[in-house]
Structure formats: C-alpha cells, structure tokens
Amino acid sequence: MSEARRHTPLEDAQGLVVGCLLCALGLEFLTASGLVTGQTAGLAVLIAYASGWAFGPVFFVINLPFYALAAARMGRAFTLKTFAAVALLSGFTMVLPHLVSFDRLDPVAAALLFGVTAGAGLLALFRHGASLGGVGIVAVYLQDRIGWKAGWVQLAFDAVLFAAALAVLDDWRLVAISLLGAATVNAIIAVNHRRDRYIAT
C-alpha cells in the first residue's frame, strides 16, 4: 500500500475518539435498559451487573491478557491503538452516565440503538487499525489471516455469553432483546468491514 493511502496520526486519533464515543453511547443505551451485549464488553457488563463494580475498570482489566496475542499476531501499532481504544472506552463509560440520562427508553429501541451506534463505532476503530480488545483482537486476526468474517466470529462467542447471561439476569426477555442488539452490531460489522472495499490503515 502506498504511503499516501495511510491514515495520518491525527486521523487515527480522531477515529479512535469518535469510535470509542459511539461505542460508549451504545453501552449507555444498553445498560440504561438493563440489557447485555456480547464480546469482551458483554462479559464486563455481566460482571458489573453481578458484582456492582463499575463497567470501565472491569472492562480495562479483562482486556489485559489479550494484548500479548495482539502484539504477537497483529503488530505493535495495532496493539498500542487497541490499548488506547480500551482506555478511552473505559473512561467514556465512567463519564457519560453523569452527562446523559433517559426519561423513557424502550428496551427494543435501546437494543437497536446500541447495535447501530456500537456497530458504527467498531467500524471506525477497525478502519483505523484498532479494536476494543478481547474477542475483537481474535476476530480481526482470523478475518485478516483466514478470511472468516469478524462479525460472525464475534457472534459465535456471543452465543456462549448469552447462555451465561440467562443465569445472571432474572428476565429471559431482556436476554432475548439483548440478542437483537448483538445481532445488529455484528451484522453491521460483517456487511461493512471488508478489506476489498476499505484497506487504508
């Protein structure tokens, strides 16, 4: 790839900030309705619900073991950008609840809004050479190496996570609605994250 097609550091920085802010907003829709999601964020949400701990620190700590894979398989730049994205999302999710609230938020609408905003946010991160760690690292690696769609890889992990969510949440309907949100975000990624259409890094 020619150097002219690469993102500049400033473009990468704004891409990470905007992407993480969109994902944080999506999580605000989600948690305000008592819903869950998939991937590493979903695991952090479940732990936060069960323990009462804040999502941000839990999400940051859960991601720590995955950086070794990122460094070994995806390279230094991807690892550093992903670390920055995870830190940004962790911080944004601790600030947004003090700035945003909802008088009325239908759970189905919350799931769909989460799917759209988080899907757009993840696309921004992927296109600037980052992810939100955890399963995202594995999913992007498998797509780049063997052609498996990142969205479908993440959806398979989500199926296992949602089975565990049934044991944590009291209402199976919330889990079913949550699945709608996870399917939306992963479908957006599967359809739009294609290296043959967008290859700048």
N, C-alpha and C. Protein backbone atom coordinates (compact mmCIF):
# COMPACT_ATOMS: atom_id res chain seq x y z
N MET A 1 0.84 -1.18 0.00
CA MET A 1 0.00 0.00 0.00
C MET A 1 0.88 1.24 0.00
N SER A 2 0.55 2.23 -0.82
CA SER A 2 1.35 3.44 -0.86
C SER A 2 1.15 4.25 0.41
N GLU A 3 2.18 4.99 0.76
CA GLU A 3 2.13 5.78 1.98
C GLU A 3 1.02 6.81 1.95
N ALA A 4 0.66 7.28 0.73
CA ALA A 4 -0.37 8.31 0.60
C ALA A 4 -1.75 7.80 1.06
N ARG A 5 -1.92 6.49 1.07
CA ARG A 5 -3.23 5.95 1.43
C ARG A 5 -3.35 5.68 2.92
N ARG A 6 -2.30 5.85 3.66
CA ARG A 6 -2.35 5.58 5.09
C ARG A 6 -2.98 6.75 5.84
N HIS A 7 -3.63 6.43 6.94
CA HIS A 7 -4.16 7.49 7.79
C HIS A 7 -3.02 8.20 8.50
N THR A 8 -3.19 9.49 8.68
CA THR A 8 -2.22 10.25 9.46
C THR A 8 -2.46 10.01 10.95
N PRO A 9 -1.48 10.32 11.81
CA PRO A 9 -1.70 10.17 13.25
C PRO A 9 -2.92 10.96 13.75
N LEU A 10 -3.15 12.14 13.20
CA LEU A 10 -4.31 12.94 13.61
C LEU A 10 -5.61 12.25 13.18
N GLU A 11 -5.64 11.69 11.97
CA GLU A 11 -6.82 10.97 11.52
C GLU A 11 -7.08 9.74 12.38
N ASP A 12 -6.01 9.03 12.74
CA ASP A 12 -6.17 7.88 13.64
C ASP A 12 -6.71 8.31 14.99
N ALA A 13 -6.18 9.40 15.52
CA ALA A 13 -6.62 9.87 16.84
C ALA A 13 -8.10 10.21 16.84
N GLN A 14 -8.55 10.97 15.83
CA GLN A 14 -9.97 11.32 15.80
C GLN A 14 -10.83 10.09 15.55
N GLY A 15 -10.33 9.14 14.76
CA GLY A 15 -11.07 7.92 14.53
C GLY A 15 -11.26 7.12 15.81
N LEU A 16 -10.22 7.04 16.63
CA LEU A 16 -10.32 6.31 17.90
C LEU A 16 -11.26 7.01 18.87
N VAL A 17 -11.17 8.33 18.95
CA VAL A 17 -12.03 9.07 19.88
C VAL A 17 -13.49 8.95 19.47
N VAL A 18 -13.77 9.18 18.18
CA VAL A 18 -15.16 9.11 17.71
C VAL A 18 -15.69 7.69 17.84
N GLY A 19 -14.89 6.71 17.45
CA GLY A 19 -15.33 5.32 17.54
C GLY A 19 -15.64 4.91 18.97
N CYS A 20 -14.76 5.28 19.89
CA CYS A 20 -14.97 4.92 21.30
C CYS A 20 -16.16 5.66 21.89
N LEU A 21 -16.36 6.91 21.49
CA LEU A 21 -17.50 7.67 21.99
C LEU A 21 -18.82 7.06 21.51
N LEU A 22 -18.86 6.64 20.26
CA LEU A 22 -20.06 5.98 19.75
C LEU A 22 -20.33 4.67 20.50
N CYS A 23 -19.27 3.90 20.76
CA CYS A 23 -19.45 2.64 21.49
C CYS A 23 -19.89 2.90 22.93
N ALA A 24 -19.35 3.93 23.54
CA ALA A 24 -19.75 4.27 24.91
C ALA A 24 -21.21 4.71 24.96
N LEU A 25 -21.64 5.48 23.96
CA LEU A 25 -23.04 5.87 23.89
C LEU A 25 -23.94 4.65 23.71
N GLY A 26 -23.49 3.72 22.87
CA GLY A 26 -24.24 2.50 22.69
C GLY A 26 -24.39 1.72 23.99
N LEU A 27 -23.32 1.64 24.75
CA LEU A 27 -23.37 0.95 26.04
C LEU A 27 -24.28 1.67 27.03
N GLU A 28 -24.38 2.97 26.90
CA GLU A 28 -25.29 3.73 27.76
C GLU A 28 -26.74 3.37 27.44
N PHE A 29 -27.07 3.27 26.15
CA PHE A 29 -28.40 2.80 25.77
C PHE A 29 -28.67 1.41 26.37
N LEU A 30 -27.67 0.56 26.27
CA LEU A 30 -27.81 -0.83 26.67
C LEU A 30 -28.04 -0.98 28.17
N THR A 31 -27.13 -0.41 28.96
CA THR A 31 -27.18 -0.61 30.41
C THR A 31 -28.33 0.16 31.05
N ALA A 32 -28.77 1.26 30.41
CA ALA A 32 -29.91 2.00 30.95
C ALA A 32 -31.18 1.17 30.91
N SER A 33 -31.22 0.17 30.03
CA SER A 33 -32.38 -0.71 29.93
C SER A 33 -32.15 -2.06 30.58
N GLY A 34 -31.01 -2.23 31.24
CA GLY A 34 -30.73 -3.50 31.90
C GLY A 34 -30.41 -4.62 30.94
N LEU A 35 -29.93 -4.28 29.73
CA LEU A 35 -29.61 -5.27 28.72
C LEU A 35 -28.15 -5.68 28.81
N VAL A 36 -27.80 -6.69 28.04
CA VAL A 36 -26.42 -7.14 27.97
C VAL A 36 -25.98 -7.13 26.52
N THR A 37 -24.70 -7.36 26.32
CA THR A 37 -24.18 -7.46 24.97
C THR A 37 -23.19 -8.60 24.91
N GLY A 38 -22.56 -8.76 23.76
CA GLY A 38 -21.61 -9.85 23.60
C GLY A 38 -20.18 -9.37 23.67
N GLN A 39 -19.27 -10.23 23.23
CA GLN A 39 -17.85 -9.93 23.18
C GLN A 39 -17.29 -9.66 24.58
N THR A 40 -16.13 -9.07 24.63
CA THR A 40 -15.50 -8.80 25.92
C THR A 40 -16.29 -7.76 26.71
N ALA A 41 -16.88 -6.81 26.00
CA ALA A 41 -17.71 -5.81 26.68
C ALA A 41 -18.88 -6.47 27.37
N GLY A 42 -19.46 -7.49 26.73
CA GLY A 42 -20.58 -8.19 27.34
C GLY A 42 -20.18 -8.91 28.61
N LEU A 43 -19.01 -9.51 28.58
CA LEU A 43 -18.51 -10.17 29.79
C LEU A 43 -18.33 -9.15 30.91
N ALA A 44 -17.79 -7.98 30.57
CA ALA A 44 -17.60 -6.93 31.56
C ALA A 44 -18.94 -6.43 32.10
N VAL A 45 -19.95 -6.31 31.22
CA VAL A 45 -21.29 -5.88 31.65
C VAL A 45 -21.87 -6.88 32.64
N LEU A 46 -21.76 -8.17 32.33
CA LEU A 46 -22.28 -9.20 33.23
C LEU A 46 -21.59 -9.15 34.59
N ILE A 47 -20.28 -9.00 34.58
CA ILE A 47 -19.54 -8.91 35.84
C ILE A 47 -19.97 -7.67 36.62
N ALA A 48 -20.16 -6.55 35.90
CA ALA A 48 -20.59 -5.33 36.56
C ALA A 48 -21.97 -5.48 37.19
N TYR A 49 -22.89 -6.12 36.45
CA TYR A 49 -24.22 -6.36 37.00
C TYR A 49 -24.17 -7.24 38.24
N ALA A 50 -23.38 -8.30 38.16
CA ALA A 50 -23.35 -9.28 39.25
C ALA A 50 -22.59 -8.78 40.48
N SER A 51 -21.59 -7.93 40.27
CA SER A 51 -20.72 -7.52 41.37
C SER A 51 -21.01 -6.11 41.89
N GLY A 52 -21.62 -5.27 41.04
CA GLY A 52 -21.82 -3.88 41.42
C GLY A 52 -20.62 -3.01 41.10
N TRP A 53 -19.56 -3.60 40.55
CA TRP A 53 -18.40 -2.81 40.16
C TRP A 53 -18.71 -2.00 38.90
N ALA A 54 -17.98 -0.93 38.70
CA ALA A 54 -18.17 -0.11 37.51
C ALA A 54 -17.67 -0.84 36.27
N PHE A 55 -18.38 -0.64 35.16
CA PHE A 55 -18.01 -1.31 33.91
C PHE A 55 -16.60 -0.94 33.46
N GLY A 56 -16.25 0.34 33.50
CA GLY A 56 -14.99 0.82 32.94
C GLY A 56 -13.77 0.08 33.46
N PRO A 57 -13.54 0.05 34.78
CA PRO A 57 -12.37 -0.67 35.30
C PRO A 57 -12.41 -2.16 35.00
N VAL A 58 -13.60 -2.78 35.08
CA VAL A 58 -13.71 -4.21 34.79
C VAL A 58 -13.31 -4.48 33.34
N PHE A 59 -13.82 -3.68 32.43
CA PHE A 59 -13.51 -3.84 31.01
C PHE A 59 -12.01 -3.68 30.75
N PHE A 60 -11.40 -2.70 31.39
CA PHE A 60 -9.98 -2.45 31.20
C PHE A 60 -9.15 -3.64 31.66
N VAL A 61 -9.48 -4.19 32.83
CA VAL A 61 -8.70 -5.30 33.40
C VAL A 61 -8.89 -6.58 32.59
N ILE A 62 -10.12 -6.86 32.16
CA ILE A 62 -10.39 -8.08 31.39
C ILE A 62 -9.55 -8.12 30.12
N ASN A 63 -9.31 -6.97 29.54
CA ASN A 63 -8.58 -6.93 28.27
C ASN A 63 -7.08 -7.14 28.39
N LEU A 64 -6.53 -7.01 29.58
CA LEU A 64 -5.08 -7.07 29.73
C LEU A 64 -4.44 -8.34 29.15
N PRO A 65 -5.00 -9.53 29.37
CA PRO A 65 -4.33 -10.73 28.84
C PRO A 65 -4.29 -10.81 27.31
N PHE A 66 -5.19 -10.10 26.63
CA PHE A 66 -5.27 -10.22 25.18
C PHE A 66 -4.19 -9.42 24.45
N TYR A 67 -3.52 -8.52 25.13
CA TYR A 67 -2.52 -7.71 24.45
C TYR A 67 -1.31 -8.52 24.01
N ALA A 68 -1.04 -9.61 24.68
CA ALA A 68 0.07 -10.47 24.27
C ALA A 68 -0.21 -11.04 22.88
N LEU A 69 -1.45 -11.51 22.65
CA LEU A 69 -1.82 -12.01 21.31
C LEU A 69 -1.76 -10.89 20.29
N ALA A 70 -2.26 -9.73 20.67
CA ALA A 70 -2.25 -8.60 19.74
C ALA A 70 -0.83 -8.25 19.33
N ALA A 71 0.08 -8.21 20.29
CA ALA A 71 1.46 -7.85 19.98
C ALA A 71 2.12 -8.91 19.11
N ALA A 72 1.84 -10.18 19.41
CA ALA A 72 2.49 -11.27 18.68
C ALA A 72 1.94 -11.44 17.27
N ARG A 73 0.64 -11.23 17.11
CA ARG A 73 -0.02 -11.56 15.84
C ARG A 73 -0.39 -10.35 14.99
N MET A 74 -0.69 -9.22 15.63
CA MET A 74 -1.23 -8.07 14.91
C MET A 74 -0.25 -6.90 14.81
N GLY A 75 0.82 -6.94 15.58
CA GLY A 75 1.81 -5.89 15.47
C GLY A 75 1.71 -4.82 16.55
N ARG A 76 2.78 -4.06 16.65
CA ARG A 76 2.89 -3.05 17.70
C ARG A 76 1.87 -1.94 17.54
N ALA A 77 1.68 -1.44 16.31
CA ALA A 77 0.76 -0.32 16.10
C ALA A 77 -0.67 -0.70 16.48
N PHE A 78 -1.11 -1.89 16.04
CA PHE A 78 -2.46 -2.35 16.38
C PHE A 78 -2.62 -2.49 17.89
N THR A 79 -1.61 -3.03 18.55
CA THR A 79 -1.67 -3.23 19.99
C THR A 79 -1.78 -1.91 20.73
N LEU A 80 -0.96 -0.94 20.35
CA LEU A 80 -0.99 0.36 21.03
C LEU A 80 -2.31 1.08 20.78
N LYS A 81 -2.82 1.02 19.55
CA LYS A 81 -4.10 1.66 19.25
C LYS A 81 -5.24 0.99 20.01
N THR A 82 -5.20 -0.34 20.10
CA THR A 82 -6.24 -1.06 20.83
C THR A 82 -6.18 -0.74 22.31
N PHE A 83 -4.99 -0.67 22.88
CA PHE A 83 -4.85 -0.29 24.29
C PHE A 83 -5.45 1.09 24.52
N ALA A 84 -5.16 2.02 23.59
CA ALA A 84 -5.70 3.38 23.72
C ALA A 84 -7.22 3.37 23.60
N ALA A 85 -7.75 2.56 22.68
CA ALA A 85 -9.21 2.49 22.50
C ALA A 85 -9.89 1.92 23.74
N VAL A 86 -9.32 0.87 24.31
CA VAL A 86 -9.90 0.28 25.52
C VAL A 86 -9.88 1.29 26.67
N ALA A 87 -8.77 2.01 26.81
CA ALA A 87 -8.68 3.01 27.87
C ALA A 87 -9.68 4.13 27.64
N LEU A 88 -9.84 4.58 26.39
CA LEU A 88 -10.81 5.63 26.08
C LEU A 88 -12.23 5.18 26.39
N LEU A 89 -12.58 3.97 25.95
CA LEU A 89 -13.94 3.49 26.21
C LEU A 89 -14.19 3.36 27.70
N SER A 90 -13.21 2.84 28.43
CA SER A 90 -13.37 2.70 29.88
C SER A 90 -13.63 4.05 30.52
N GLY A 91 -12.88 5.06 30.08
CA GLY A 91 -13.08 6.41 30.62
C GLY A 91 -14.41 7.01 30.23
N PHE A 92 -14.76 6.90 28.95
CA PHE A 92 -16.03 7.46 28.48
C PHE A 92 -17.23 6.86 29.21
N THR A 93 -17.19 5.55 29.47
CA THR A 93 -18.33 4.92 30.13
C THR A 93 -18.46 5.34 31.59
N MET A 94 -17.41 5.90 32.16
CA MET A 94 -17.49 6.39 33.54
C MET A 94 -17.98 7.84 33.58
N VAL A 95 -17.81 8.56 32.46
CA VAL A 95 -18.21 9.96 32.41
C VAL A 95 -19.64 10.13 31.89
N LEU A 96 -20.01 9.37 30.84
CA LEU A 96 -21.31 9.56 30.19
C LEU A 96 -22.51 9.46 31.12
N PRO A 97 -22.54 8.54 32.10
CA PRO A 97 -23.71 8.48 32.97
C PRO A 97 -23.99 9.76 33.74
N HIS A 98 -22.96 10.60 33.91
CA HIS A 98 -23.14 11.89 34.59
C HIS A 98 -23.62 12.98 33.63
N LEU A 99 -23.60 12.67 32.33
CA LEU A 99 -23.97 13.67 31.33
C LEU A 99 -25.24 13.33 30.57
N VAL A 100 -25.60 12.05 30.54
CA VAL A 100 -26.73 11.59 29.73
C VAL A 100 -27.66 10.75 30.60
N SER A 101 -28.97 10.99 30.47
CA SER A 101 -29.96 10.16 31.14
C SER A 101 -31.18 10.05 30.24
N PHE A 102 -32.03 9.07 30.52
CA PHE A 102 -33.20 8.82 29.69
C PHE A 102 -34.45 8.77 30.56
N ASP A 103 -35.44 9.59 30.23
CA ASP A 103 -36.72 9.54 30.93
C ASP A 103 -37.53 8.33 30.49
N ARG A 104 -37.41 7.98 29.23
CA ARG A 104 -38.10 6.80 28.71
C ARG A 104 -37.23 6.17 27.63
N LEU A 105 -36.99 4.87 27.74
CA LEU A 105 -36.17 4.17 26.76
C LEU A 105 -36.71 2.75 26.62
N ASP A 106 -37.40 2.51 25.55
CA ASP A 106 -37.94 1.18 25.29
C ASP A 106 -36.79 0.19 25.09
N PRO A 107 -36.83 -0.98 25.71
CA PRO A 107 -35.72 -1.94 25.59
C PRO A 107 -35.40 -2.35 24.16
N VAL A 108 -36.42 -2.55 23.33
CA VAL A 108 -36.16 -2.91 21.94
C VAL A 108 -35.45 -1.77 21.21
N ALA A 109 -35.93 -0.53 21.44
CA ALA A 109 -35.27 0.62 20.85
C ALA A 109 -33.84 0.74 21.35
N ALA A 110 -33.64 0.49 22.65
CA ALA A 110 -32.29 0.55 23.23
C ALA A 110 -31.37 -0.46 22.57
N ALA A 111 -31.87 -1.67 22.34
CA ALA A 111 -31.05 -2.71 21.71
C ALA A 111 -30.65 -2.31 20.29
N LEU A 112 -31.61 -1.77 19.53
CA LEU A 112 -31.32 -1.37 18.16
C LEU A 112 -30.38 -0.17 18.11
N LEU A 113 -30.62 0.81 19.00
CA LEU A 113 -29.74 1.98 19.05
C LEU A 113 -28.33 1.58 19.46
N PHE A 114 -28.24 0.64 20.40
CA PHE A 114 -26.92 0.12 20.76
C PHE A 114 -26.25 -0.51 19.55
N GLY A 115 -26.99 -1.36 18.83
CA GLY A 115 -26.41 -2.05 17.69
C GLY A 115 -25.88 -1.11 16.63
N VAL A 116 -26.65 -0.06 16.34
CA VAL A 116 -26.25 0.89 15.30
C VAL A 116 -25.06 1.73 15.75
N THR A 117 -25.13 2.29 16.96
CA THR A 117 -24.04 3.17 17.41
C THR A 117 -22.76 2.38 17.67
N ALA A 118 -22.87 1.22 18.32
CA ALA A 118 -21.68 0.41 18.58
C ALA A 118 -21.12 -0.15 17.29
N GLY A 119 -21.99 -0.54 16.36
CA GLY A 119 -21.50 -1.04 15.08
C GLY A 119 -20.71 0.02 14.33
N ALA A 120 -21.24 1.24 14.29
CA ALA A 120 -20.52 2.33 13.62
C ALA A 120 -19.21 2.63 14.35
N GLY A 121 -19.25 2.60 15.68
CA GLY A 121 -18.03 2.86 16.44
C GLY A 121 -16.96 1.82 16.20
N LEU A 122 -17.35 0.54 16.17
CA LEU A 122 -16.38 -0.52 15.92
C LEU A 122 -15.82 -0.44 14.51
N LEU A 123 -16.65 -0.08 13.53
CA LEU A 123 -16.14 0.10 12.18
C LEU A 123 -15.07 1.19 12.13
N ALA A 124 -15.31 2.28 12.84
CA ALA A 124 -14.31 3.35 12.89
C ALA A 124 -13.00 2.84 13.49
N LEU A 125 -13.10 2.06 14.55
CA LEU A 125 -11.89 1.53 15.18
C LEU A 125 -11.17 0.56 14.26
N PHE A 126 -11.90 -0.36 13.65
CA PHE A 126 -11.28 -1.33 12.75
C PHE A 126 -10.58 -0.63 11.59
N ARG A 127 -11.22 0.38 11.06
CA ARG A 127 -10.66 1.07 9.89
C ARG A 127 -9.46 1.95 10.24
N HIS A 128 -9.27 2.19 11.51
CA HIS A 128 -8.08 2.93 11.94
C HIS A 128 -7.09 2.00 12.64
N GLY A 129 -7.21 0.71 12.39
CA GLY A 129 -6.23 -0.25 12.86
C GLY A 129 -6.28 -0.55 14.33
N ALA A 130 -7.49 -0.56 14.91
CA ALA A 130 -7.64 -0.84 16.34
C ALA A 130 -8.86 -1.71 16.54
N SER A 131 -9.05 -2.16 17.77
CA SER A 131 -10.26 -2.87 18.16
C SER A 131 -10.54 -2.52 19.61
N LEU A 132 -11.55 -3.15 20.18
CA LEU A 132 -11.81 -2.96 21.61
C LEU A 132 -11.31 -4.16 22.40
N GLY A 133 -10.26 -4.78 21.89
CA GLY A 133 -9.57 -5.84 22.63
C GLY A 133 -10.33 -7.14 22.65
N GLY A 134 -9.84 -8.05 23.47
CA GLY A 134 -10.51 -9.31 23.71
C GLY A 134 -10.87 -10.07 22.44
N VAL A 135 -12.14 -10.40 22.31
CA VAL A 135 -12.62 -11.15 21.16
C VAL A 135 -12.41 -10.37 19.87
N GLY A 136 -12.47 -9.06 19.95
CA GLY A 136 -12.23 -8.25 18.76
C GLY A 136 -10.86 -8.49 18.17
N ILE A 137 -9.85 -8.66 19.01
CA ILE A 137 -8.50 -8.95 18.53
C ILE A 137 -8.49 -10.28 17.79
N VAL A 138 -9.09 -11.29 18.40
CA VAL A 138 -9.14 -12.61 17.77
C VAL A 138 -9.93 -12.57 16.47
N ALA A 139 -11.07 -11.85 16.48
CA ALA A 139 -11.93 -11.79 15.30
C ALA A 139 -11.24 -11.10 14.13
N VAL A 140 -10.60 -9.97 14.37
CA VAL A 140 -9.90 -9.25 13.30
C VAL A 140 -8.73 -10.07 12.78
N TYR A 141 -8.02 -10.74 13.69
CA TYR A 141 -6.89 -11.59 13.29
C TYR A 141 -7.37 -12.72 12.37
N LEU A 142 -8.46 -13.40 12.74
CA LEU A 142 -8.96 -14.51 11.94
C LEU A 142 -9.47 -14.02 10.58
N GLN A 143 -10.09 -12.84 10.56
CA GLN A 143 -10.55 -12.31 9.27
C GLN A 143 -9.37 -12.00 8.36
N ASP A 144 -8.34 -11.37 8.90
CA ASP A 144 -7.19 -11.00 8.10
C ASP A 144 -6.39 -12.21 7.63
N ARG A 145 -6.33 -13.24 8.46
CA ARG A 145 -5.48 -14.39 8.15
C ARG A 145 -6.18 -15.47 7.35
N ILE A 146 -7.42 -15.80 7.68
CA ILE A 146 -8.07 -16.92 7.02
C ILE A 146 -9.42 -16.56 6.39
N GLY A 147 -9.80 -15.28 6.47
CA GLY A 147 -10.98 -14.82 5.76
C GLY A 147 -12.30 -14.98 6.49
N TRP A 148 -12.28 -15.44 7.74
CA TRP A 148 -13.53 -15.54 8.49
C TRP A 148 -14.04 -14.14 8.81
N LYS A 149 -15.31 -13.88 8.59
CA LYS A 149 -15.89 -12.57 8.87
C LYS A 149 -15.79 -12.26 10.36
N ALA A 150 -15.24 -11.09 10.68
CA ALA A 150 -15.07 -10.71 12.09
C ALA A 150 -16.41 -10.70 12.82
N GLY A 151 -17.47 -10.22 12.15
CA GLY A 151 -18.77 -10.16 12.79
C GLY A 151 -19.31 -11.52 13.17
N TRP A 152 -19.11 -12.52 12.29
CA TRP A 152 -19.63 -13.86 12.57
C TRP A 152 -18.81 -14.56 13.66
N VAL A 153 -17.51 -14.31 13.69
CA VAL A 153 -16.68 -14.87 14.76
C VAL A 153 -17.15 -14.34 16.11
N GLN A 154 -17.41 -13.06 16.17
CA GLN A 154 -17.87 -12.45 17.42
C GLN A 154 -19.26 -12.94 17.79
N LEU A 155 -20.10 -13.18 16.79
CA LEU A 155 -21.45 -13.66 17.06
C LEU A 155 -21.42 -15.06 17.68
N ALA A 156 -20.49 -15.91 17.25
CA ALA A 156 -20.36 -17.24 17.84
C ALA A 156 -19.98 -17.15 19.31
N PHE A 157 -19.05 -16.25 19.64
CA PHE A 157 -18.69 -16.04 21.04
C PHE A 157 -19.88 -15.52 21.83
N ASP A 158 -20.64 -14.62 21.18
CA ASP A 158 -21.79 -14.03 21.84
C ASP A 158 -22.82 -15.09 22.24
N ALA A 159 -22.98 -16.11 21.40
CA ALA A 159 -23.97 -17.16 21.70
C ALA A 159 -23.65 -17.83 23.03
N VAL A 160 -22.38 -18.07 23.27
CA VAL A 160 -21.96 -18.68 24.54
C VAL A 160 -22.20 -17.70 25.70
N LEU A 161 -21.86 -16.44 25.46
CA LEU A 161 -22.00 -15.44 26.51
C LEU A 161 -23.46 -15.22 26.89
N PHE A 162 -24.34 -15.24 25.91
CA PHE A 162 -25.76 -15.03 26.20
C PHE A 162 -26.35 -16.20 26.96
N ALA A 163 -25.82 -17.38 26.72
CA ALA A 163 -26.26 -18.53 27.52
C ALA A 163 -25.91 -18.30 28.98
N ALA A 164 -24.73 -17.74 29.24
CA ALA A 164 -24.34 -17.43 30.61
C ALA A 164 -25.19 -16.31 31.18
N ALA A 165 -25.61 -15.36 30.31
CA ALA A 165 -26.42 -14.23 30.78
C ALA A 165 -27.75 -14.69 31.36
N LEU A 166 -28.27 -15.80 30.87
CA LEU A 166 -29.53 -16.32 31.40
C LEU A 166 -29.42 -16.66 32.88
N ALA A 167 -28.21 -16.98 33.32
CA ALA A 167 -28.01 -17.32 34.73
C ALA A 167 -27.85 -16.07 35.60
N VAL A 168 -27.55 -14.93 34.98
CA VAL A 168 -27.30 -13.70 35.73
C VAL A 168 -28.54 -12.81 35.78
N LEU A 169 -29.23 -12.69 34.65
CA LEU A 169 -30.41 -11.83 34.59
C LEU A 169 -31.66 -12.61 34.96
N ASP A 170 -32.59 -11.96 35.62
CA ASP A 170 -33.81 -12.61 36.07
C ASP A 170 -34.85 -12.77 34.96
N ASP A 171 -34.77 -11.93 33.95
CA ASP A 171 -35.81 -11.88 32.91
C ASP A 171 -35.24 -12.38 31.58
N TRP A 172 -35.70 -13.53 31.12
CA TRP A 172 -35.20 -14.08 29.86
C TRP A 172 -35.55 -13.18 28.68
N ARG A 173 -36.62 -12.36 28.83
CA ARG A 173 -36.99 -11.46 27.74
C ARG A 173 -35.92 -10.40 27.50
N LEU A 174 -35.28 -9.93 28.59
CA LEU A 174 -34.19 -8.97 28.42
C LEU A 174 -33.01 -9.59 27.69
N VAL A 175 -32.75 -10.87 27.95
CA VAL A 175 -31.68 -11.55 27.24
C VAL A 175 -32.03 -11.68 25.76
N ALA A 176 -33.29 -12.00 25.46
CA ALA A 176 -33.72 -12.12 24.07
C ALA A 176 -33.62 -10.78 23.35
N ILE A 177 -34.03 -9.70 24.01
CA ILE A 177 -33.92 -8.37 23.40
C ILE A 177 -32.45 -7.99 23.23
N SER A 178 -31.63 -8.36 24.20
CA SER A 178 -30.20 -8.08 24.11
C SER A 178 -29.59 -8.76 22.89
N LEU A 179 -30.06 -9.95 22.60
CA LEU A 179 -29.55 -10.69 21.45
C LEU A 179 -29.82 -9.94 20.16
N LEU A 180 -30.94 -9.22 20.11
CA LEU A 180 -31.26 -8.39 18.95
C LEU A 180 -30.19 -7.32 18.75
N GLY A 181 -29.77 -6.69 19.85
CA GLY A 181 -28.73 -5.68 19.77
C GLY A 181 -27.40 -6.25 19.31
N ALA A 182 -27.03 -7.41 19.87
CA ALA A 182 -25.77 -8.05 19.48
C ALA A 182 -25.79 -8.47 18.02
N ALA A 183 -26.93 -9.00 17.56
CA ALA A 183 -27.05 -9.40 16.16
C ALA A 183 -26.93 -8.19 15.25
N THR A 184 -27.49 -7.06 15.67
CA THR A 184 -27.42 -5.84 14.86
C THR A 184 -25.99 -5.35 14.71
N VAL A 185 -25.26 -5.26 15.82
CA VAL A 185 -23.90 -4.75 15.74
C VAL A 185 -23.01 -5.68 14.93
N ASN A 186 -23.17 -6.99 15.11
CA ASN A 186 -22.33 -7.93 14.38
C ASN A 186 -22.69 -8.00 12.90
N ALA A 187 -23.96 -7.84 12.58
CA ALA A 187 -24.36 -7.81 11.17
C ALA A 187 -23.78 -6.58 10.48
N ILE A 188 -23.79 -5.44 11.16
CA ILE A 188 -23.22 -4.22 10.59
C ILE A 188 -21.74 -4.41 10.29
N ILE A 189 -21.03 -5.04 11.22
CA ILE A 189 -19.60 -5.29 11.01
C ILE A 189 -19.39 -6.28 9.88
N ALA A 190 -20.16 -7.36 9.87
CA ALA A 190 -19.98 -8.38 8.85
C ALA A 190 -20.23 -7.84 7.44
N VAL A 191 -21.21 -6.96 7.29
CA VAL A 191 -21.55 -6.41 5.98
C VAL A 191 -20.56 -5.34 5.54
N ASN A 192 -20.10 -4.52 6.47
CA ASN A 192 -19.33 -3.32 6.11
C ASN A 192 -17.83 -3.42 6.29
N HIS A 193 -17.35 -4.32 7.14
CA HIS A 193 -15.90 -4.40 7.35
C HIS A 193 -15.28 -5.36 6.34
N ARG A 194 -14.96 -4.81 5.16
CA ARG A 194 -14.40 -5.62 4.08
C ARG A 194 -13.12 -4.99 3.58
N ARG A 195 -12.05 -5.76 3.59
CA ARG A 195 -10.75 -5.25 3.17
C ARG A 195 -10.71 -4.94 1.68
N ASP A 196 -11.58 -5.57 0.88
CA ASP A 196 -11.57 -5.28 -0.56
C ASP A 196 -12.23 -3.94 -0.87
N ARG A 197 -12.94 -3.38 0.13
CA ARG A 197 -13.56 -2.07 -0.08
C ARG A 197 -12.84 -0.96 0.66
N TYR A 198 -12.16 -1.30 1.76
CA TYR A 198 -11.51 -0.29 2.58
C TYR A 198 -10.26 -0.91 3.18
N ILE A 199 -9.10 -0.49 2.70
CA ILE A 199 -7.86 -1.14 3.12
C ILE A 199 -6.85 -0.18 3.73
N ALA A 200 -7.19 1.11 3.84
CA ALA A 200 -6.26 2.06 4.45
C ALA A 200 -6.11 1.74 5.93
N THR A 201 -4.90 1.88 6.46
CA THR A 201 -4.65 1.64 7.87
C THR A 201 -3.90 2.79 8.49
